[in-house]
Amino acid sequence: MPDRGQRDRMVLVGAHAAWYDRLTTRVASLLYRAAAGQVLDELARGGRLLDVGTGPGQLLVEVARRRTDVTGAGIDPSADMIGHARRRLAAAAADDRFDLQIAGAEDLPFADASFDAVVSTLSSHHWADPAAAVGEQARVLRPGGQLWVFDLRGVAPSAVARELTARFPAGAVSRPRVHGPASVLIRCHRAG
């Protein structure tokens, strides 16, 4: 059964983490490809990317396959999910390019202005405190960087959009259409 973590955050462990890893391989691969494509289209060469709620590392693998110049990190509150992500990145020969850490979106273990892009796919609905999570992600974003939040339509908390609008200048927050068939299920917010 999913374990409740700090501040009532949902954390997938054990068999549930393994099930989610298999599910995302089969079902969500289109989303991860679409998200990686959109983010990488706007990420400068040599950019650093943070994947918030990396889960089994699908987004980082897609990024690694498309762009060998991108480095960065992935965080997830589940040690089991980080284990799946490590195995997936090693199999893609990209484990030396991305640092994986156990951490929640509300308390990121990185210095201010560390990343050119901060991306969250399918995790904002798990954040215990959307205001704190958006604040932390904005903190680690470099000036001129972009924060991307991709999540399921109807499940993504409206607080995420409100917090992005509150933390970024007027006109800096948009809702670009997700590319491809994933657009039917997924909503995107981009800030920066």
Protein backbone atom coordinates (compact mmCIF):
# COMPACT_ATOMS: atom_id res chain seq x y z
CA MET A 1 0.00 0.00 0.00
CA PRO A 2 1.27 3.52 -0.66
CA ASP A 3 3.02 4.93 2.35
CA ARG A 4 2.17 8.39 3.66
CA GLY A 5 5.31 10.45 4.04
CA GLN A 6 6.16 13.69 5.73
CA ARG A 7 3.29 16.21 5.75
CA ASP A 8 0.89 13.64 4.27
CA ARG A 9 2.78 13.34 0.96
CA MET A 10 1.97 10.17 -0.98
CA VAL A 11 5.10 8.04 -1.41
CA LEU A 12 5.07 4.87 -3.52
CA VAL A 13 7.12 2.05 -2.02
CA GLY A 14 7.79 -1.64 -2.60
CA ALA A 15 5.38 -3.42 -4.92
CA HIS A 16 3.51 -0.15 -5.62
CA ALA A 17 6.71 1.52 -6.81
CA ALA A 18 7.48 -1.49 -9.06
CA TRP A 19 3.91 -1.44 -10.42
CA TYR A 20 4.17 2.29 -11.20
CA ASP A 21 7.51 1.71 -12.94
CA ARG A 22 5.90 -0.91 -15.21
CA LEU A 23 2.81 1.24 -15.78
CA THR A 24 4.76 4.31 -16.86
CA THR A 25 6.81 2.22 -19.28
CA ARG A 26 3.67 1.04 -21.04
CA VAL A 27 1.18 3.84 -20.62
CA ALA A 28 2.98 7.12 -19.99
CA SER A 29 5.89 6.86 -22.41
CA LEU A 30 4.09 9.16 -24.89
CA LEU A 31 3.77 11.81 -22.20
CA TYR A 32 7.43 11.62 -21.22
CA ARG A 33 8.51 11.87 -24.86
CA ALA A 34 6.22 14.87 -25.43
CA ALA A 35 7.36 16.62 -22.24
CA ALA A 36 11.05 16.01 -22.99
CA GLY A 37 10.61 17.34 -26.52
CA GLN A 38 8.88 20.51 -25.39
CA VAL A 39 11.34 21.26 -22.62
CA LEU A 40 14.42 20.48 -24.73
CA ASP A 41 13.17 22.65 -27.60
CA GLU A 42 13.65 25.61 -25.25
CA LEU A 43 16.64 24.48 -23.18
CA ALA A 44 19.98 26.00 -24.21
CA ARG A 45 22.95 23.77 -25.05
CA GLY A 46 24.70 22.54 -21.93
CA GLY A 47 21.61 23.26 -19.81
CA ARG A 48 21.01 21.80 -16.37
CA LEU A 49 17.60 20.22 -15.70
CA LEU A 50 15.89 19.18 -12.45
CA ASP A 51 13.17 16.51 -12.60
CA VAL A 52 10.89 16.98 -9.58
CA GLY A 53 9.08 13.76 -8.68
CA THR A 54 11.26 11.76 -11.05
CA GLY A 55 9.61 8.46 -10.11
CA PRO A 56 11.24 5.73 -12.19
CA GLY A 57 13.29 8.26 -14.19
CA GLN A 58 11.38 8.10 -17.46
CA LEU A 59 11.73 11.82 -18.22
CA LEU A 60 15.47 11.84 -17.52
CA VAL A 61 15.99 8.86 -19.85
CA GLU A 62 14.07 10.64 -22.62
CA VAL A 63 16.17 13.77 -22.06
CA ALA A 64 19.39 11.72 -22.10
CA ARG A 65 18.42 9.97 -25.35
CA ARG A 66 17.73 13.25 -27.13
CA ARG A 67 20.48 15.52 -25.81
CA THR A 68 23.92 14.40 -24.62
CA ASP A 69 24.79 17.96 -23.54
CA VAL A 70 22.12 18.14 -20.80
CA THR A 71 22.98 17.27 -17.19
CA GLY A 72 21.12 17.69 -13.93
CA ALA A 73 19.28 15.90 -11.19
CA GLY A 74 16.11 14.09 -10.25
CA ILE A 75 14.39 13.95 -6.88
CA ASP A 76 11.64 11.78 -5.46
CA PRO A 77 10.48 11.21 -1.87
CA SER A 78 10.54 7.42 -2.43
CA ALA A 79 13.83 5.56 -2.09
CA ASP A 80 12.27 2.71 -4.10
CA MET A 81 11.45 5.05 -6.99
CA ILE A 82 14.97 6.47 -6.90
CA GLY A 83 16.22 2.87 -7.14
CA HIS A 84 14.10 2.29 -10.26
CA ALA A 85 15.36 5.58 -11.74
CA ARG A 86 19.00 4.61 -11.06
CA ARG A 87 18.55 1.28 -12.85
CA ARG A 88 16.78 2.92 -15.77
CA LEU A 89 19.45 5.62 -16.18
CA ALA A 90 22.25 3.02 -15.92
CA ALA A 91 20.60 0.93 -18.64
CA ALA A 92 20.50 4.05 -20.83
CA ALA A 93 24.19 4.76 -20.04
CA ALA A 94 23.20 8.16 -18.59
CA ASP A 95 23.66 7.59 -14.86
CA ASP A 96 26.81 9.74 -14.83
CA ARG A 97 24.87 12.79 -16.10
CA PHE A 98 22.07 12.96 -13.53
CA ASP A 99 22.32 13.05 -9.73
CA LEU A 100 19.37 11.28 -8.08
CA GLN A 101 18.35 12.16 -4.53
CA ILE A 102 15.59 11.28 -2.10
CA ALA A 103 13.75 14.54 -1.45
CA GLY A 104 10.32 16.10 -1.59
CA ALA A 105 9.25 18.90 -3.90
CA GLU A 106 8.73 21.14 -0.87
CA ASP A 107 12.36 20.99 0.34
CA LEU A 108 14.87 20.73 -2.52
CA PRO A 109 18.49 19.91 -1.57
CA PHE A 110 20.05 22.31 -4.11
CA ALA A 111 21.52 25.80 -4.01
CA ASP A 112 19.61 28.80 -5.33
CA ALA A 113 19.73 29.27 -9.12
CA SER A 114 21.10 25.77 -9.85
CA PHE A 115 19.01 24.78 -12.90
CA ASP A 116 18.03 26.17 -16.30
CA ALA A 117 14.86 24.09 -16.37
CA VAL A 118 12.80 22.57 -13.56
CA VAL A 119 10.28 19.98 -14.73
CA SER A 120 7.57 18.04 -12.95
CA THR A 121 5.62 15.34 -14.79
CA LEU A 122 2.70 13.57 -13.16
CA SER A 123 3.68 14.56 -9.65
CA SER A 124 2.10 17.90 -8.68
CA HIS A 125 -1.04 16.11 -7.49
CA HIS A 126 1.18 14.34 -4.90
CA TRP A 127 2.66 17.53 -3.44
CA ALA A 128 1.66 17.99 0.21
CA ASP A 129 2.08 21.77 -0.03
CA PRO A 130 1.84 23.19 -3.59
CA ALA A 131 2.84 26.69 -2.41
CA ALA A 132 6.05 25.41 -0.81
CA ALA A 133 6.79 23.16 -3.80
CA VAL A 134 6.42 25.98 -6.35
CA GLY A 135 8.47 28.28 -4.09
CA GLU A 136 11.30 25.76 -3.88
CA GLN A 137 11.28 25.11 -7.61
CA ALA A 138 11.37 28.85 -8.34
CA ARG A 139 14.26 29.20 -5.87
CA VAL A 140 16.49 26.67 -7.66
CA LEU A 141 15.65 28.06 -11.11
CA ARG A 142 18.32 30.25 -12.71
CA PRO A 143 17.34 33.71 -13.98
CA GLY A 144 15.83 33.25 -17.44
CA GLY A 145 15.09 29.56 -16.74
CA GLN A 146 11.75 27.83 -17.10
CA LEU A 147 9.61 25.85 -14.71
CA TRP A 148 7.36 23.24 -16.36
CA VAL A 149 4.52 21.36 -14.65
CA PHE A 150 2.83 18.56 -16.61
CA ASP A 151 -0.01 16.73 -14.86
CA LEU A 152 -3.28 14.95 -15.47
CA ARG A 153 -6.24 17.10 -16.46
CA GLY A 154 -8.75 17.24 -13.63
CA VAL A 155 -6.22 16.02 -11.04
CA ALA A 156 -3.56 18.73 -11.05
CA PRO A 157 -4.20 21.07 -8.13
CA SER A 158 -5.42 24.53 -9.10
CA ALA A 159 -3.10 25.82 -6.36
CA VAL A 160 -0.14 25.12 -8.68
CA ALA A 161 -1.42 27.57 -11.32
CA ARG A 162 -2.21 30.15 -8.61
CA GLU A 163 1.27 29.83 -7.08
CA LEU A 164 3.02 30.09 -10.44
CA THR A 165 1.05 33.26 -11.22
CA ALA A 166 1.88 34.69 -7.78
CA ARG A 167 5.63 33.96 -8.00
CA PHE A 168 6.41 34.93 -11.59
CA PRO A 169 5.99 38.29 -13.37
CA ALA A 170 2.79 39.07 -15.23
CA GLY A 171 2.78 37.32 -18.59
CA ALA A 172 5.52 34.85 -17.58
CA VAL A 173 3.08 31.98 -16.96
CA SER A 174 1.49 30.18 -19.88
CA ARG A 175 -0.37 26.95 -20.60
CA PRO A 176 1.21 25.57 -23.78
CA ARG A 177 -0.56 22.69 -25.45
CA VAL A 178 1.13 19.35 -24.84
CA HIS A 179 2.41 17.96 -28.14
CA GLY A 180 0.85 14.83 -29.62
CA PRO A 181 -1.82 12.47 -28.30
CA ALA A 182 -0.81 13.09 -24.67
CA SER A 183 -2.61 16.46 -24.91
CA VAL A 184 -5.93 14.70 -24.36
CA LEU A 185 -4.96 13.70 -20.81
CA ILE A 186 -2.28 16.16 -19.77
CA ARG A 187 -2.26 19.85 -18.89
CA CYS A 188 0.95 21.90 -18.90
CA HIS A 189 1.92 25.09 -17.10
CA ARG A 190 5.15 26.88 -17.97
CA ALA A 191 6.65 29.78 -16.03
CA GLY A 192 9.72 31.81 -16.71
